[in-house]
Amino acid sequence: MRVGFAGLAASHPFADLRSARGAGVAELLLWSPDEPARRERFLADGDVNEATDLEELVAARPDVVIVSARPSDVPSRVEAVLDAGIPCFAHKTVAADATDVARLRRVVAGREHRFASSSVLRFAPAVRRLAAEIAEDRVLAITVEVAHGIADFLTPERNWQDDPAQGGGTAVSMGAHAFDIASALLGASLRGVGGAVSRRLAAASRSEDVATLVGLGPAGELVTAQVLGALDIERYRVRVQCADREIAVEIDGSIDPHVELGYRDCFDAVVGAARKGRSPISGDTACDVVEATVSAATVARAAS
């Protein structure tokens, strides 16, 4: 198995590097034009072959390419990979606004079986266990709480993630986690319908402190994402209201976050699907969840 990386814009490729070592990946290839400090760290951390440009990376014919880029750069990189017939996985955040969503859908169209994008939390063991547990239930509502401090997003290296126009801001970056978890539990896509945001504490941020995003599942299941970015905590909680019971779960990453938060299983799912020439989830579902997050955040900001 040979894995290519097109960009190092977020922290996830470094988790993938750890996963690749554990999975016995034969070769790693990298092209990263925009993140010189990250590029140096990545090359220093592992036995990685470097490509001079995206064309060279694709020409090397890796079995799968993992894209990690600013939203405006995601569609062109995904397109180059898919044009070469190579499966592609893109780490969030892949769209900051509706224009980004539309561009991504255009390049993925007709090739959805080879493209995916997702929060790693979709693959967290606790989420998978909960999805199996409620598979036969009639789900009425899902509430997902995502608490994740934004201090890293305020550093010069990553402050584009704090900018709603460039990286989606807190509501999109963190809301994507929540909507992906809900999609995994429902086994289906969502659509975003609204919400609200507020800014009270993080004066240095261009984004919101807290956000509530609202979505609907295919059978009218109400999905609520509660996002908290202002405090220096990391917490993921899920509450599922079924017709005859309520189930609450906390996704605990206190012992081994690499495993418990889904980093390892996400990478394994991407590599496993690539061996079959496909993606670990439907590209349609991936784009639907991205669009739902962006749509809900857009309405929420306009209403607040």
Protein backbone atom coordinates (compact mmCIF):
# COMPACT_ATOMS: atom_id res chain seq x y z
CA MET A 1 0.00 0.00 0.00
CA ARG A 2 1.30 3.44 -1.03
CA VAL A 3 -0.28 6.58 0.40
CA GLY A 4 0.11 10.11 -0.95
CA PHE A 5 -0.47 13.36 0.91
CA ALA A 6 -1.49 16.49 -0.99
CA GLY A 7 -0.98 19.24 1.57
CA LEU A 8 -0.53 19.53 5.32
CA ALA A 9 -2.93 22.37 6.09
CA ALA A 10 -4.36 20.88 9.30
CA SER A 11 -3.04 18.61 12.04
CA HIS A 12 -4.67 15.39 10.79
CA PRO A 13 -1.90 14.24 8.40
CA PHE A 14 0.43 13.88 11.37
CA ALA A 15 -2.05 11.49 12.96
CA ASP A 16 -2.21 9.70 9.61
CA LEU A 17 1.57 9.35 9.68
CA ARG A 18 1.31 7.55 13.01
CA SER A 19 -1.50 5.37 11.68
CA ALA A 20 0.49 4.54 8.55
CA ARG A 21 3.36 3.24 10.63
CA GLY A 22 1.00 1.04 12.61
CA ALA A 23 -0.68 -0.24 9.46
CA GLY A 24 2.58 -1.16 7.76
CA VAL A 25 2.14 1.16 4.76
CA ALA A 26 4.95 0.46 2.32
CA GLU A 27 5.53 3.99 1.02
CA LEU A 28 4.48 7.54 1.87
CA LEU A 29 4.61 10.37 -0.64
CA LEU A 30 4.19 14.09 0.07
CA TRP A 31 3.54 17.27 -1.84
CA SER A 32 3.00 20.31 0.38
CA PRO A 33 3.53 23.75 -1.19
CA ASP A 34 1.93 26.01 1.42
CA GLU A 35 3.05 24.87 4.86
CA PRO A 36 6.89 24.98 5.02
CA ALA A 37 7.19 24.46 8.79
CA ARG A 38 4.74 21.55 8.73
CA ARG A 39 6.49 20.09 5.70
CA GLU A 40 9.81 20.06 7.54
CA ARG A 41 8.25 18.37 10.58
CA PHE A 42 6.45 15.80 8.47
CA LEU A 43 9.59 14.88 6.54
CA ALA A 44 11.58 14.69 9.76
CA ASP A 45 9.00 12.44 11.43
CA GLY A 46 8.99 9.67 8.88
CA ASP A 47 10.48 7.97 5.84
CA VAL A 48 8.63 10.04 3.25
CA ASN A 49 9.35 10.56 -0.45
CA GLU A 50 8.68 14.10 -1.63
CA ALA A 51 7.13 15.17 -4.93
CA THR A 52 7.94 18.54 -6.48
CA ASP A 53 4.34 19.23 -7.54
CA LEU A 54 0.89 17.67 -7.58
CA GLU A 55 1.39 16.25 -11.05
CA GLU A 56 4.46 14.33 -9.88
CA LEU A 57 2.61 13.05 -6.82
CA VAL A 58 -0.26 11.76 -8.94
CA ALA A 59 2.10 10.33 -11.57
CA ALA A 60 3.72 8.21 -8.86
CA ARG A 61 0.39 6.31 -8.72
CA PRO A 62 -0.20 6.00 -4.95
CA ASP A 63 -3.11 3.74 -4.00
CA VAL A 64 -4.88 6.66 -2.32
CA VAL A 65 -4.25 10.38 -1.86
CA ILE A 66 -5.19 12.22 1.33
CA VAL A 67 -5.87 15.91 0.76
CA SER A 68 -5.40 18.42 3.56
CA ALA A 69 -5.75 21.96 2.26
CA ARG A 70 -7.47 25.27 2.77
CA PRO A 71 -11.03 25.05 1.45
CA SER A 72 -10.33 27.19 -1.61
CA ASP A 73 -7.61 24.75 -2.70
CA VAL A 74 -9.49 21.51 -2.03
CA PRO A 75 -11.48 21.17 -5.30
CA SER A 76 -8.48 21.51 -7.63
CA ARG A 77 -6.45 18.97 -5.67
CA VAL A 78 -9.33 16.52 -5.45
CA GLU A 79 -9.97 16.94 -9.18
CA ALA A 80 -6.37 16.14 -10.11
CA VAL A 81 -6.45 12.97 -8.00
CA LEU A 82 -9.82 11.77 -9.30
CA ASP A 83 -8.85 12.56 -12.91
CA ALA A 84 -6.00 10.08 -12.47
CA GLY A 85 -8.42 7.39 -11.29
CA ILE A 86 -6.99 7.37 -7.75
CA PRO A 87 -9.25 7.24 -4.66
CA CYS A 88 -9.17 10.46 -2.66
CA PHE A 89 -9.95 11.35 0.94
CA ALA A 90 -10.08 14.99 2.05
CA HIS A 91 -9.71 16.01 5.67
CA LYS A 92 -12.06 18.69 6.96
CA THR A 93 -12.59 21.57 6.53
CA VAL A 94 -13.24 21.24 2.79
CA ALA A 95 -15.69 24.13 2.31
CA ALA A 96 -16.06 27.52 3.98
CA ASP A 97 -19.11 28.69 2.04
CA ALA A 98 -21.69 27.69 -0.58
CA THR A 99 -19.31 28.49 -3.45
CA ASP A 100 -16.76 26.02 -2.09
CA VAL A 101 -19.48 23.38 -1.75
CA ALA A 102 -20.62 23.87 -5.34
CA ARG A 103 -17.04 23.63 -6.67
CA LEU A 104 -16.43 20.43 -4.72
CA ARG A 105 -19.66 18.83 -5.96
CA ARG A 106 -18.74 19.62 -9.56
CA VAL A 107 -15.35 17.89 -9.40
CA VAL A 108 -16.73 14.88 -7.51
CA ALA A 109 -19.80 14.38 -9.74
CA GLY A 110 -19.83 10.95 -11.36
CA ARG A 111 -16.89 9.80 -9.24
CA GLU A 112 -18.53 9.72 -5.84
CA HIS A 113 -17.42 6.14 -5.23
CA ARG A 114 -13.79 7.25 -5.16
CA PHE A 115 -14.14 10.37 -2.99
CA ALA A 116 -14.86 10.91 0.68
CA SER A 117 -14.44 13.58 3.31
CA SER A 118 -15.28 13.24 6.97
CA SER A 119 -14.50 14.11 10.53
CA VAL A 120 -12.39 11.38 12.09
CA LEU A 121 -15.04 11.18 14.82
CA ARG A 122 -17.35 9.40 12.38
CA PHE A 123 -15.02 6.43 12.81
CA ALA A 124 -14.57 6.66 16.59
CA PRO A 125 -15.28 3.28 18.24
CA ALA A 126 -17.89 4.84 20.55
CA VAL A 127 -19.78 6.27 17.55
CA ARG A 128 -19.72 2.94 15.73
CA ARG A 129 -20.97 1.10 18.82
CA LEU A 130 -23.77 3.60 19.29
CA ALA A 131 -24.78 3.37 15.62
CA ALA A 132 -25.07 -0.41 15.95
CA GLU A 133 -27.03 -0.08 19.19
CA ILE A 134 -29.69 2.22 17.71
CA ALA A 135 -29.87 0.57 14.29
CA GLU A 136 -33.34 -0.86 14.97
CA ASP A 137 -34.64 2.12 16.98
CA ARG A 138 -36.93 4.84 15.73
CA VAL A 139 -34.69 7.88 16.23
CA LEU A 140 -36.46 11.17 16.91
CA ALA A 141 -33.58 13.51 17.69
CA ILE A 142 -29.80 13.60 18.03
CA THR A 143 -27.87 16.22 19.99
CA VAL A 144 -24.11 16.37 19.62
CA GLU A 145 -21.97 18.60 21.83
CA VAL A 146 -18.55 19.51 20.47
CA ALA A 147 -16.26 21.47 22.76
CA HIS A 148 -12.83 22.24 21.35
CA GLY A 149 -10.64 25.22 22.25
CA ILE A 150 -9.67 27.48 19.35
CA ALA A 151 -6.27 28.61 20.68
CA ASP A 152 -4.44 26.71 17.92
CA PHE A 153 -6.61 28.43 15.31
CA LEU A 154 -5.34 31.83 16.48
CA THR A 155 -1.66 31.09 15.79
CA PRO A 156 -0.07 32.60 12.65
CA GLU A 157 0.30 29.14 11.12
CA ARG A 158 -3.38 28.25 11.45
CA ASN A 159 -5.32 31.52 11.79
CA TRP A 160 -6.94 30.94 8.40
CA GLN A 161 -9.09 28.32 10.17
CA ASP A 162 -10.49 31.01 12.47
CA ASP A 163 -11.57 33.16 9.52
CA PRO A 164 -15.11 32.25 8.38
CA ALA A 165 -14.29 33.37 4.84
CA GLN A 166 -11.13 31.25 4.52
CA GLY A 167 -11.60 28.25 6.77
CA GLY A 168 -15.23 28.31 7.86
CA GLY A 169 -14.62 29.54 11.39
CA THR A 170 -15.67 27.78 14.56
CA ALA A 171 -19.26 27.03 13.53
CA VAL A 172 -18.20 25.20 10.35
CA SER A 173 -14.94 23.63 11.57
CA MET A 174 -16.47 22.23 14.75
CA GLY A 175 -20.02 21.87 13.48
CA ALA A 176 -18.68 19.46 10.87
CA HIS A 177 -17.69 17.07 13.65
CA ALA A 178 -21.20 17.10 15.06
CA PHE A 179 -23.04 16.68 11.76
CA ASP A 180 -20.69 13.88 10.70
CA ILE A 181 -21.37 12.02 13.94
CA ALA A 182 -25.12 12.43 13.42
CA SER A 183 -24.83 11.24 9.81
CA ALA A 184 -22.92 8.17 10.96
CA LEU A 185 -25.59 7.36 13.56
CA LEU A 186 -28.43 7.76 11.06
CA GLY A 187 -26.55 6.06 8.23
CA ALA A 188 -27.71 8.86 5.99
CA SER A 189 -27.22 12.42 4.84
CA LEU A 190 -28.49 15.56 6.54
CA ARG A 191 -29.65 18.97 5.47
CA GLY A 192 -28.90 22.14 7.42
CA VAL A 193 -31.79 24.38 8.36
CA GLY A 194 -30.50 27.04 10.77
CA GLY A 195 -29.24 27.89 14.22
CA ALA A 196 -27.62 30.75 16.11
CA VAL A 197 -24.12 31.90 17.05
CA SER A 198 -22.71 34.12 19.77
CA ARG A 199 -19.43 35.83 20.54
CA ARG A 200 -18.73 36.69 24.19
CA LEU A 201 -15.19 35.74 25.20
CA ALA A 202 -12.66 35.23 22.41
CA ALA A 203 -11.82 38.84 21.55
CA ALA A 204 -8.89 37.82 19.34
CA SER A 205 -11.06 35.57 17.20
CA ARG A 206 -12.74 36.54 13.96
CA SER A 207 -15.24 33.77 14.56
CA GLU A 208 -17.92 32.88 17.11
CA ASP A 209 -17.43 31.54 20.65
CA VAL A 210 -20.44 29.28 20.60
CA ALA A 211 -22.86 28.03 17.99
CA THR A 212 -25.97 25.92 17.72
CA LEU A 213 -26.57 24.40 14.31
CA VAL A 214 -29.77 22.59 13.40
CA GLY A 215 -30.24 19.93 10.76
CA LEU A 216 -32.76 17.34 9.65
CA GLY A 217 -32.24 13.70 8.76
CA PRO A 218 -34.04 11.95 5.87
CA ALA A 219 -37.03 10.94 8.02
CA GLY A 220 -37.26 14.25 9.82
CA GLU A 221 -34.89 13.36 12.64
CA LEU A 222 -33.93 16.59 14.41
CA VAL A 223 -30.17 17.07 14.68
CA THR A 224 -28.73 19.72 16.99
CA ALA A 225 -25.03 20.56 17.09
CA GLN A 226 -23.88 22.48 20.15
CA VAL A 227 -20.45 23.95 19.48
CA LEU A 228 -18.25 25.53 22.14
CA GLY A 229 -14.94 26.99 21.02
CA ALA A 230 -14.22 29.68 23.59
CA LEU A 231 -12.89 27.53 26.44
CA ASP A 232 -9.75 25.44 26.61
CA ILE A 233 -11.48 22.07 26.80
CA GLU A 234 -12.05 19.16 24.47
CA ARG A 235 -15.25 17.17 24.90
CA TYR A 236 -17.64 15.25 22.65
CA ARG A 237 -21.04 14.14 23.92
CA VAL A 238 -23.93 12.54 22.06
CA ARG A 239 -27.54 12.15 23.15
CA VAL A 240 -29.98 10.15 21.05
CA GLN A 241 -33.70 10.39 21.75
CA CYS A 242 -35.52 7.34 20.42
CA ALA A 243 -39.23 6.63 20.48
CA ASP A 244 -38.98 4.55 23.66
CA ARG A 245 -35.62 5.39 25.24
CA GLU A 246 -32.78 7.92 25.47
CA ILE A 247 -29.11 7.03 25.13
CA ALA A 248 -26.26 9.33 26.13
CA VAL A 249 -22.61 8.68 25.28
CA GLU A 250 -19.39 10.60 25.80
CA ILE A 251 -16.62 10.03 23.29
CA ASP A 252 -13.74 9.87 25.73
CA GLY A 253 -10.26 10.50 24.39
CA SER A 254 -8.50 10.67 27.73
CA ILE A 255 -6.57 7.39 27.49
CA ASP A 256 -5.55 7.13 23.83
CA PRO A 257 -7.13 9.88 21.71
CA HIS A 258 -5.55 8.48 18.55
CA VAL A 259 -7.75 5.41 18.93
CA GLU A 260 -10.72 6.74 20.92
CA LEU A 261 -11.34 9.82 18.73
CA GLY A 262 -11.22 7.81 15.51
CA TYR A 263 -7.91 8.85 13.95
CA ARG A 264 -6.64 5.29 13.60
CA ASP A 265 -9.91 3.78 12.39
CA CYS A 266 -10.48 6.62 9.92
CA PHE A 267 -7.09 5.99 8.31
CA ASP A 268 -7.65 2.24 8.30
CA ALA A 269 -11.06 2.72 6.66
CA VAL A 270 -9.59 4.99 3.98
CA VAL A 271 -6.76 2.56 3.20
CA GLY A 272 -9.04 -0.48 3.34
CA ALA A 273 -11.51 1.06 0.91
CA ALA A 274 -8.70 2.21 -1.40
CA ARG A 275 -7.58 -1.40 -1.77
CA LYS A 276 -10.97 -1.96 -3.41
CA GLY A 277 -10.72 1.22 -5.50
CA ARG A 278 -13.41 3.08 -3.61
CA SER A 279 -14.06 5.43 -0.69
CA PRO A 280 -15.04 4.48 2.90
CA ILE A 281 -18.30 6.46 2.68
CA SER A 282 -20.32 7.72 -0.24
CA GLY A 283 -19.03 10.90 -1.81
CA ASP A 284 -22.64 12.05 -2.06
CA THR A 285 -23.08 11.64 1.69
CA ALA A 286 -19.80 13.43 2.34
CA CYS A 287 -20.81 16.41 0.20
CA ASP A 288 -24.30 16.47 1.71
CA VAL A 289 -22.92 16.69 5.24
CA VAL A 290 -20.48 19.42 4.22
CA GLU A 291 -23.30 21.37 2.60
CA ALA A 292 -25.57 20.88 5.62
CA THR A 293 -22.89 22.27 7.95
CA VAL A 294 -22.16 25.29 5.76
CA SER A 295 -25.86 26.00 5.18
CA ALA A 296 -26.76 25.82 8.87
CA ALA A 297 -23.80 28.02 9.83
CA THR A 298 -24.67 30.59 7.16
CA VAL A 299 -28.26 30.89 8.38
CA ALA A 300 -27.14 30.94 12.02
CA ARG A 301 -24.73 33.80 11.44
CA ALA A 302 -27.27 35.79 9.48
CA ALA A 303 -29.82 35.38 12.26
CA SER A 304 -27.52 36.33 15.13
